[in-house]
C-alpha atoms as a PDB file:
ATOM      1  CA  MET A   1     -44.910  34.382  61.909  1.00  0.00           C
ATOM      2  CA  HIS A   2     -44.530  32.396  65.011  1.00  0.00           C
ATOM      3  CA  LEU A   3     -46.232  29.326  63.497  1.00  0.00           C
ATOM      4  CA  THR A   4     -43.734  29.899  60.124  1.00  0.00           C
ATOM      5  CA  GLU A   5     -40.825  29.806  62.468  1.00  0.00           C
ATOM      6  CA  THR A   6     -42.036  26.836  64.366  1.00  0.00           C
ATOM      7  CA  HIS A   7     -42.729  24.759  60.651  1.00  0.00           C
ATOM      8  CA  LYS A   8     -38.907  25.783  59.658  1.00  0.00           C
ATOM      9  CA  GLN A   9     -37.304  24.480  63.048  1.00  0.00           C
ATOM     10  CA  SER A  10     -39.798  21.154  62.436  1.00  0.00           C
ATOM     11  CA  GLU A  11     -38.273  20.782  59.053  1.00  0.00           C
ATOM     12  CA  ALA A  12     -34.852  21.267  60.450  1.00  0.00           C
ATOM     13  CA  GLN A  13     -35.107  19.211  62.599  1.00  0.00           C
ATOM     14  CA  HIS A  14     -36.217  16.425  60.645  1.00  0.00           C
ATOM     15  CA  CYS A  15     -33.527  17.081  58.285  1.00  0.00           C
ATOM     16  CA  ASN A  16     -30.588  16.543  60.877  1.00  0.00           C
ATOM     17  CA  HIS A  17     -32.699  13.785  62.612  1.00  0.00           C
ATOM     18  CA  GLY A  18     -33.318  11.744  59.281  1.00  0.00           C
ATOM     19  CA  LYS A  19     -30.220   9.490  59.887  1.00  0.00           C
ATOM     20  CA  PRO A  20     -31.397   8.616  62.981  1.00  0.00           C
ATOM     21  CA  GLU A  21     -34.591   8.156  62.094  1.00  0.00           C
ATOM     22  CA  VAL A  22     -33.799   5.966  59.296  1.00  0.00           C
ATOM     23  CA  MET A  23     -31.931   3.667  61.546  1.00  0.00           C
ATOM     24  CA  PHE A  24     -34.773   2.741  63.687  1.00  0.00           C
ATOM     25  CA  MET A  25     -36.565   1.980  60.243  1.00  0.00           C
ATOM     26  CA  VAL A  26     -33.572  -0.533  58.775  1.00  0.00           C
ATOM     27  CA  SER A  27     -33.525  -1.592  62.425  1.00  0.00           C
ATOM     28  CA  ASN A  28     -37.201  -2.177  63.234  1.00  0.00           C
ATOM     29  CA  ASN A  29     -37.418  -3.664  59.934  1.00  0.00           C
ATOM     30  CA  SER A  30     -37.442  -8.033  59.938  1.00  0.00           C
ATOM     31  CA  GLY A  31     -38.082  -7.816  56.682  1.00  0.00           C
ATOM     32  CA  LEU A  32     -34.963  -8.654  53.852  1.00  0.00           C
ATOM     33  CA  ILE A  33     -35.919  -5.826  51.409  1.00  0.00           C
ATOM     34  CA  LEU A  34     -35.940  -2.513  52.411  1.00  0.00           C
ATOM     35  CA  ASP A  35     -37.997   0.298  50.498  1.00  0.00           C
ATOM     36  CA  LEU A  36     -37.287   3.589  51.671  1.00  0.00           C
ATOM     37  CA  GLY A  37     -37.310   5.762  48.356  1.00  0.00           C
ATOM     38  CA  GLU A  38     -35.181   8.569  49.170  1.00  0.00           C
ATOM     39  CA  TYR A  39     -33.888   7.179  52.244  1.00  0.00           C
ATOM     40  CA  SER A  40     -31.961   4.267  50.515  1.00  0.00           C
ATOM     41  CA  ASP A  41     -28.716   6.431  50.415  1.00  0.00           C
ATOM     42  CA  LYS A  42     -29.139   6.792  54.630  1.00  0.00           C
ATOM     43  CA  ALA A  43     -30.331   3.059  55.071  1.00  0.00           C
ATOM     44  CA  ILE A  44     -27.048   2.020  53.323  1.00  0.00           C
ATOM     45  CA  GLU A  45     -24.847   3.827  55.483  1.00  0.00           C
ATOM     46  CA  VAL A  46     -26.903   2.132  58.262  1.00  0.00           C
ATOM     47  CA  LEU A  47     -26.035  -1.015  56.840  1.00  0.00           C
ATOM     48  CA  GLU A  48     -22.596  -0.345  56.318  1.00  0.00           C
ATOM     49  CA  HIS A  49     -22.097   0.718  59.983  1.00  0.00           C
ATOM     50  CA  LYS A  50     -23.714  -2.524  61.005  1.00  0.00           C
ATOM     51  CA  VAL A  51     -22.164  -4.987  58.799  1.00  0.00           C
ATOM     52  CA  THR A  52     -18.845  -3.035  60.160  1.00  0.00           C
ATOM     53  CA  ARG A  53     -19.951  -3.430  63.978  1.00  0.00           C
ATOM     54  CA  ASN A  54     -21.258  -6.974  63.764  1.00  0.00           C
ATOM     55  CA  PRO A  55     -19.931  -9.145  60.620  1.00  0.00           C
ATOM     56  CA  LEU A  56     -21.405 -12.539  61.689  1.00  0.00           C
ATOM     57  CA  TYR A  57     -24.807 -10.450  61.550  1.00  0.00           C
ATOM     58  CA  LEU A  58     -26.317 -12.028  58.489  1.00  0.00           C
ATOM     59  CA  HIS A  59     -29.472 -10.119  58.145  1.00  0.00           C
ATOM     60  CA  SER A  60     -27.584  -6.849  57.586  1.00  0.00           C
ATOM     61  CA  HIS A  61     -25.638  -8.208  54.781  1.00  0.00           C
ATOM     62  CA  VAL A  62     -28.938  -9.786  53.453  1.00  0.00           C
ATOM     63  CA  GLN A  63     -30.751  -6.077  53.374  1.00  0.00           C
ATOM     64  CA  ARG A  64     -27.264  -4.495  51.718  1.00  0.00           C
ATOM     65  CA  ILE A  65     -27.113  -6.418  48.821  1.00  0.00           C
ATOM     66  CA  TYR A  66     -30.881  -6.938  48.297  1.00  0.00           C
ATOM     67  CA  LEU A  67     -30.537  -2.462  48.753  1.00  0.00           C
ATOM     68  CA  TYR A  68     -27.662  -2.304  46.665  1.00  0.00           C
ATOM     69  CA  ARG A  69     -29.782  -4.641  43.638  1.00  0.00           C
ATOM     70  CA  GLN A  70     -32.838  -2.707  43.904  1.00  0.00           C
ATOM     71  CA  ILE A  71     -30.754   0.353  43.064  1.00  0.00           C
ATOM     72  CA  LYS A  72     -28.982  -1.763  40.713  1.00  0.00           C
ATOM     73  CA  ASN A  73     -25.004  -0.308  42.008  1.00  0.00           C
ATOM     74  CA  GLY A  74     -23.747  -3.279  40.636  1.00  0.00           C
ATOM     75  CA  ASP A  75     -19.758  -2.345  41.603  1.00  0.00           C
ATOM     76  CA  ALA A  76     -21.572  -1.458  45.239  1.00  0.00           C
ATOM     77  CA  LEU A  77     -23.356  -4.730  45.024  1.00  0.00           C
ATOM     78  CA  TYR A  78     -19.645  -6.664  44.220  1.00  0.00           C
ATOM     79  CA  GLY A  79     -18.463  -4.978  47.451  1.00  0.00           C
ATOM     80  CA  ALA A  80     -21.450  -6.348  50.003  1.00  0.00           C
ATOM     81  CA  LEU A  81     -21.662  -9.654  48.536  1.00  0.00           C
ATOM     82  CA  LEU A  82     -17.289  -9.441  48.872  1.00  0.00           C
ATOM     83  CA  ASP A  83     -18.375  -8.409  52.524  1.00  0.00           C
ATOM     84  CA  LEU A  84     -20.562 -11.291  52.965  1.00  0.00           C
ATOM     85  CA  PHE A  85     -18.274 -14.026  51.448  1.00  0.00           C
ATOM     86  CA  ILE A  86     -15.586 -12.878  54.233  1.00  0.00           C
ATOM     87  CA  ALA A  87     -17.628 -12.933  57.136  1.00  0.00           C
ATOM     88  CA  LEU A  88     -18.994 -16.257  56.480  1.00  0.00           C
ATOM     89  CA  ASN A  89     -15.596 -17.508  54.803  1.00  0.00           C
ATOM     90  CA  THR A  90     -16.475 -21.747  53.932  1.00  0.00           C
ATOM     91  CA  LYS A  91     -19.637 -21.343  55.739  1.00  0.00           C
ATOM     92  CA  GLY A  92     -22.874 -20.769  54.988  1.00  0.00           C
ATOM     93  CA  PHE A  93     -22.140 -22.089  51.426  1.00  0.00           C
ATOM     94  CA  GLU A  94     -25.605 -22.272  49.991  1.00  0.00           C
ATOM     95  CA  ILE A  95     -26.788 -18.815  51.002  1.00  0.00           C
ATOM     96  CA  ARG A  96     -23.579 -17.540  49.592  1.00  0.00           C
ATOM     97  CA  GLN A  97     -24.319 -19.162  46.303  1.00  0.00           C
ATOM     98  CA  ARG A  98     -27.342 -18.228  46.315  1.00  0.00           C
ATOM     99  CA  LEU A  99     -26.852 -14.588  46.836  1.00  0.00           C
ATOM    100  CA  LEU A 100     -24.517 -14.410  44.454  1.00  0.00           C
ATOM    101  CA  PHE A 101     -26.424 -16.057  41.429  1.00  0.00           C
ATOM    102  CA  GLU A 102     -29.813 -14.113  42.181  1.00  0.00           C
ATOM    103  CA  SER A 103     -27.071 -11.070  41.838  1.00  0.00           C
ATOM    104  CA  LYS A 104     -24.941 -12.317  38.634  1.00  0.00           C
ATOM    105  CA  ARG A 105     -27.107  -9.784  36.063  1.00  0.00           C
ATOM    106  CA  TYR A 106     -26.164  -6.919  38.139  1.00  0.00           C
ATOM    107  CA  LEU A 107     -22.608  -7.982  38.562  1.00  0.00           C
ATOM    108  CA  ASP A 108     -19.308  -7.374  36.192  1.00  0.00           C
ATOM    109  CA  PRO A 109     -18.785 -10.805  34.305  1.00  0.00           C
ATOM    110  CA  HIS A 110     -15.239 -10.635  36.327  1.00  0.00           C
ATOM    111  CA  HIS A 111     -16.584  -9.883  39.893  1.00  0.00           C
ATOM    112  CA  PHE A 112     -18.827 -12.608  39.527  1.00  0.00           C
ATOM    113  CA  ASN A 113     -16.640 -14.873  38.186  1.00  0.00           C
ATOM    114  CA  VAL A 114     -14.007 -14.039  41.414  1.00  0.00           C
ATOM    115  CA  LEU A 115     -16.791 -14.873  44.024  1.00  0.00           C
ATOM    116  CA  TYR A 116     -17.741 -17.908  42.082  1.00  0.00           C
ATOM    117  CA  ASN A 117     -14.599 -19.307  42.357  1.00  0.00           C
ATOM    118  CA  GLN A 118     -14.248 -18.661  45.585  1.00  0.00           C
ATOM    119  CA  LEU A 119     -17.181 -20.359  46.520  1.00  0.00           C
ATOM    120  CA  SER A 120     -15.651 -23.590  47.698  1.00  0.00           C
ATOM    121  CA  ASP A 121     -12.182 -21.788  49.031  1.00  0.00           C
ATOM    122  CA  GLY A 122     -13.940 -19.512  50.951  1.00  0.00           C
ATOM    123  CA  VAL A 123     -12.620 -15.897  51.111  1.00  0.00           C
ATOM    124  CA  SER A 124     -10.932 -14.173  54.139  1.00  0.00           C
ATOM    125  CA  ALA A 125     -10.437 -10.423  55.098  1.00  0.00           C
ATOM    126  CA  SER A 126      -6.592 -10.804  53.593  1.00  0.00           C
ATOM    127  CA  SER A 127      -7.731 -13.091  50.551  1.00  0.00           C
ATOM    128  CA  VAL A 128      -6.354 -11.322  47.266  1.00  0.00           C
ATOM    129  CA  LEU A 129      -8.974 -10.177  45.328  1.00  0.00           C
ATOM    130  CA  PRO A 130     -10.341  -7.423  42.844  1.00  0.00           C
ATOM    131  CA  LEU A 131     -10.539  -4.058  44.913  1.00  0.00           C
ATOM    132  CA  SER A 132     -13.945  -2.843  46.081  1.00  0.00           C
ATOM    133  CA  GLN A 133     -13.753   0.707  47.835  1.00  0.00           C
ATOM    134  CA  TYR A 134     -17.312  -0.456  49.006  1.00  0.00           C
ATOM    135  CA  SER A 135     -16.190  -3.373  51.188  1.00  0.00           C
ATOM    136  CA  ARG A 136     -15.768  -2.601  54.713  1.00  0.00           C
ATOM    137  CA  LEU A 137     -14.376  -6.154  55.835  1.00  0.00           C
ATOM    138  CA  SER A 138     -11.626  -6.505  53.603  1.00  0.00           C
ATOM    139  CA  LYS A 139      -7.882  -5.591  55.124  1.00  0.00           C
ATOM    140  CA  GLY A 140      -6.713  -4.144  51.693  1.00  0.00           C
ATOM    141  CA  LEU A 141      -4.815  -6.596  50.531  1.00  0.00           C
ATOM    142  CA  ILE A 142      -6.134  -6.792  47.215  1.00  0.00           C
ATOM    143  CA  GLY A 143      -5.254  -7.993  43.628  1.00  0.00           C
ATOM    144  CA  THR A 144      -5.635  -6.259  40.401  1.00  0.00           C
ATOM    145  CA  ILE A 145      -8.812  -6.792  38.248  1.00  0.00           C
ATOM    146  CA  ASN A 146      -6.772  -7.348  35.538  1.00  0.00           C
ATOM    147  CA  LEU A 147      -5.848 -10.964  36.767  1.00  0.00           C
ATOM    148  CA  LEU A 148      -8.006 -14.125  36.692  1.00  0.00           C
ATOM    149  CA  VAL A 149      -8.660 -15.715  40.045  1.00  0.00           C
ATOM    150  CA  THR A 150      -8.715 -19.381  39.045  1.00  0.00           C
ATOM    151  CA  SER A 151     -10.214 -22.158  41.496  1.00  0.00           C
ATOM    152  CA  ASN A 152      -7.033 -23.671  41.838  1.00  0.00           C
ATOM    153  CA  HIS A 153      -5.586 -20.105  43.491  1.00  0.00           C
ATOM    154  CA  GLN A 154      -3.301 -19.541  40.263  1.00  0.00           C
ATOM    155  CA  THR A 155      -3.692 -15.921  38.662  1.00  0.00           C
ATOM    156  CA  THR A 156      -3.527 -15.586  34.986  1.00  0.00           C
ATOM    157  CA  HIS A 157      -4.378 -13.327  32.609  1.00  0.00           C
ATOM    158  CA  ALA A 158      -7.489 -13.746  30.632  1.00  0.00           C
ATOM    159  CA  SER A 159      -7.188 -16.311  27.818  1.00  0.00           C
ATOM    160  CA  ARG A 160      -8.624 -16.544  24.445  1.00  0.00           C
ATOM    161  CA  ASP A 161     -12.391 -17.093  25.042  1.00  0.00           C
ATOM    162  CA  PRO A 162     -13.390 -20.745  24.582  1.00  0.00           C
ATOM    163  CA  GLN A 163     -16.058 -20.433  22.437  1.00  0.00           C
ATOM    164  CA  GLN A 164     -13.966 -18.665  19.586  1.00  0.00           C
ATOM    165  CA  GLU A 165     -11.506 -21.388  20.259  1.00  0.00           C
ATOM    166  CA  ALA A 166     -14.351 -23.901  19.727  1.00  0.00           C
ATOM    167  CA  HIS A 167     -15.830 -22.278  16.634  1.00  0.00           C
ATOM    168  CA  GLU A 168     -12.443 -22.514  15.240  1.00  0.00           C
ATOM    169  CA  TYR A 169     -11.914 -26.039  15.811  1.00  0.00           C
ATOM    170  CA  LEU A 170     -15.472 -26.825  14.108  1.00  0.00           C
ATOM    171  CA  GLU A 171     -14.247 -24.835  11.371  1.00  0.00           C
ATOM    172  CA  TYR A 172     -11.535 -27.018  10.369  1.00  0.00           C
ATOM    173  CA  GLY A 173     -13.782 -30.039  11.137  1.00  0.00           C
ATOM    174  CA  GLU A 174     -11.780 -30.935  14.404  1.00  0.00           C
ATOM    175  CA  VAL A 175     -15.248 -31.761  16.418  1.00  0.00           C
ATOM    176  CA  ASP A 176     -13.282 -34.080  19.767  1.00  0.00           C
ATOM    177  CA  GLU A 177     -10.935 -30.467  20.390  1.00  0.00           C
ATOM    178  CA  ALA A 178     -13.977 -28.066  20.180  1.00  0.00           C
ATOM    179  CA  ARG A 179     -16.009 -30.424  22.303  1.00  0.00           C
ATOM    180  CA  LYS A 180     -13.187 -30.887  24.555  1.00  0.00           C
ATOM    181  CA  VAL A 181     -12.401 -26.885  24.873  1.00  0.00           C
ATOM    182  CA  LEU A 182     -16.230 -26.775  25.628  1.00  0.00           C
ATOM    183  CA  GLU A 183     -16.541 -29.496  28.375  1.00  0.00           C
ATOM    184  CA  ALA A 184     -13.650 -27.557  29.941  1.00  0.00           C
ATOM    185  CA  ALA A 185     -14.902 -24.241  29.790  1.00  0.00           C
ATOM    186  CA  VAL A 186     -18.781 -25.896  30.827  1.00  0.00           C
ATOM    187  CA  LEU A 187     -16.965 -27.237  34.255  1.00  0.00           C
ATOM    188  CA  LYS A 188     -15.227 -23.862  34.427  1.00  0.00           C
ATOM    189  CA  GLU A 189     -17.779 -21.046  33.842  1.00  0.00           C
ATOM    190  CA  PRO A 190     -20.911 -23.450  34.263  1.00  0.00           C
ATOM    191  CA  TRP A 191     -23.118 -20.198  34.471  1.00  0.00           C
ATOM    192  CA  ARG A 192     -22.093 -19.434  30.615  1.00  0.00           C
ATOM    193  CA  LYS A 193     -25.656 -20.668  28.583  1.00  0.00           C
ATOM    194  CA  GLU A 194     -23.540 -20.034  24.990  1.00  0.00           C
ATOM    195  CA  LEU A 195     -21.656 -22.522  26.218  1.00  0.00           C
ATOM    196  CA  HIS A 196     -23.962 -25.009  27.024  1.00  0.00           C
ATOM    197  CA  ILE A 197     -26.077 -24.523  23.815  1.00  0.00           C
ATOM    198  CA  ASP A 198     -22.577 -24.789  21.500  1.00  0.00           C
ATOM    199  CA  LEU A 199     -21.616 -28.197  23.550  1.00  0.00           C
ATOM    200  CA  LEU A 200     -25.400 -29.879  23.446  1.00  0.00           C
ATOM    201  CA  GLU A 201     -25.350 -29.619  19.724  1.00  0.00           C
ATOM    202  CA  ILE A 202     -21.721 -30.870  19.103  1.00  0.00           C
ATOM    203  CA  TYR A 203     -23.417 -33.739  21.366  1.00  0.00           C
ATOM    204  CA  LYS A 204     -26.297 -34.024  19.289  1.00  0.00           C
ATOM    205  CA  ALA A 205     -25.118 -34.045  15.600  1.00  0.00           C
ATOM    206  CA  ALA A 206     -22.400 -36.654  16.695  1.00  0.00           C
ATOM    207  CA  ARG A 207     -24.731 -38.724  18.598  1.00  0.00           C
ATOM    208  CA  ASP A 208     -22.579 -38.794  21.375  1.00  0.00           C
ATOM    209  CA  ALA A 209     -24.807 -40.302  24.548  1.00  0.00           C
ATOM    210  CA  ASP A 210     -21.705 -41.473  26.221  1.00  0.00           C
ATOM    211  CA  ASN A 211     -19.816 -37.993  26.829  1.00  0.00           C
ATOM    212  CA  CYS A 212     -23.153 -35.848  26.963  1.00  0.00           C
ATOM    213  CA  ASP A 213     -24.732 -38.581  30.084  1.00  0.00           C
ATOM    214  CA  ALA A 214     -20.984 -37.852  31.677  1.00  0.00           C
ATOM    215  CA  MET A 215     -20.998 -33.876  31.508  1.00  0.00           C
ATOM    216  CA  TYR A 216     -24.602 -34.052  32.616  1.00  0.00           C
ATOM    217  CA  ARG A 217     -23.753 -35.867  36.058  1.00  0.00           C
ATOM    218  CA  ARG A 218     -20.473 -34.029  36.440  1.00  0.00           C
ATOM    219  CA  LEU A 219     -22.644 -30.406  35.816  1.00  0.00           C
ATOM    220  CA  SER A 220     -25.606 -31.624  38.345  1.00  0.00           C
ATOM    221  CA  GLU A 221     -22.560 -31.363  41.157  1.00  0.00           C
ATOM    222  CA  LYS A 222     -22.020 -27.343  40.289  1.00  0.00           C
ATOM    223  CA  PHE A 223     -24.655 -25.473  38.279  1.00  0.00           C
ATOM    224  CA  ILE A 224     -26.996 -26.184  35.059  1.00  0.00           C
ATOM    225  CA  PRO A 225     -28.942 -22.919  33.394  1.00  0.00           C
ATOM    226  CA  ASP A 226     -31.157 -24.782  31.617  1.00  0.00           C
ATOM    227  CA  HIS A 227     -31.937 -28.473  32.795  1.00  0.00           C
ATOM    228  CA  HIS A 228     -34.244 -29.126  30.532  1.00  0.00           C
ATOM    229  CA  ALA A 229     -31.793 -28.560  27.271  1.00  0.00           C
ATOM    230  CA  TRP A 230     -29.538 -31.256  28.203  1.00  0.00           C
ATOM    231  CA  VAL A 231     -32.032 -33.731  29.364  1.00  0.00           C
ATOM    232  CA  GLN A 232     -34.062 -32.662  26.273  1.00  0.00           C
ATOM    233  CA  THR A 233     -30.831 -33.395  24.349  1.00  0.00           C
ATOM    234  CA  ALA A 234     -30.167 -36.574  25.940  1.00  0.00           C
ATOM    235  CA  GLU A 235     -33.477 -37.970  25.038  1.00  0.00           C
ATOM    236  CA  HIS A 236     -32.794 -37.056  21.530  1.00  0.00           C
ATOM    237  CA  ILE A 237     -29.759 -38.668  21.066  1.00  0.00           C
ATOM    238  CA  HIS A 238     -30.985 -42.023  22.983  1.00  0.00           C
ATOM    239  CA  GLN A 239     -33.878 -42.119  20.820  1.00  0.00           C
ATOM    240  CA  ALA A 240     -31.860 -41.612  17.444  1.00  0.00           C
ATOM    241  CA  THR A 241     -29.001 -44.410  18.498  1.00  0.00           C
ATOM    242  CA  GLY A 242     -32.009 -46.484  19.791  1.00  0.00           C
ATOM    243  CA  ASP A 243     -31.007 -46.535  23.402  1.00  0.00           C
ATOM    244  CA  ILE A 244     -34.042 -45.578  24.367  1.00  0.00           C
ATOM    245  CA  ASP A 245     -33.549 -46.597  28.396  1.00  0.00           C
ATOM    246  CA  GLY A 246     -30.101 -44.863  28.209  1.00  0.00           C
END
């Protein structure tokens, strides 16, 4: 009986001290990916506390982002990325960009779009961005998710999809208009691979080496989801037009 009671007391102490134990587990882990299994929820609480107390300690931000990706919680992941963006503001462009694109498949497309558009300009605690209950650093001056934040700080209601618009122009044989729509869309949303595919098809069909080369140069400063497709298309066009050295 005494041993049973002792065992129960030991279990109770273990449960009561679960969070402190996790705190040590997190603090003593120098890695970025935490594999804590059933302790993940407590680890998240610890990391949220650490981010709140020391916003500039990037290790906690990255661990928190990876942990939310691990459990595939897109809404929480947006909040964690938002906190990283707030902590760094205009600094740390490369790490913000890398973590954002690594997290893309888990994020709502609108959330990804919002953060992507803020990569260059940065985010402050009072920035007007879509609400996140998981953010610990924003000050509550949050905008509505029904508005699209664009790179020039204007907010406009979501318009017709550029791919659909381009297809309508193509149906009426207005190739140049379709190309212009897709070029603008690709520069605005370079992560959308389907826009690249349609644009490359237009370049290829029209043997438009000049616009293809010019757009590739502009995209090289941003993000190209499939470099090989662009290079392959450009080579095909130059070979078809006899401009082998182009």
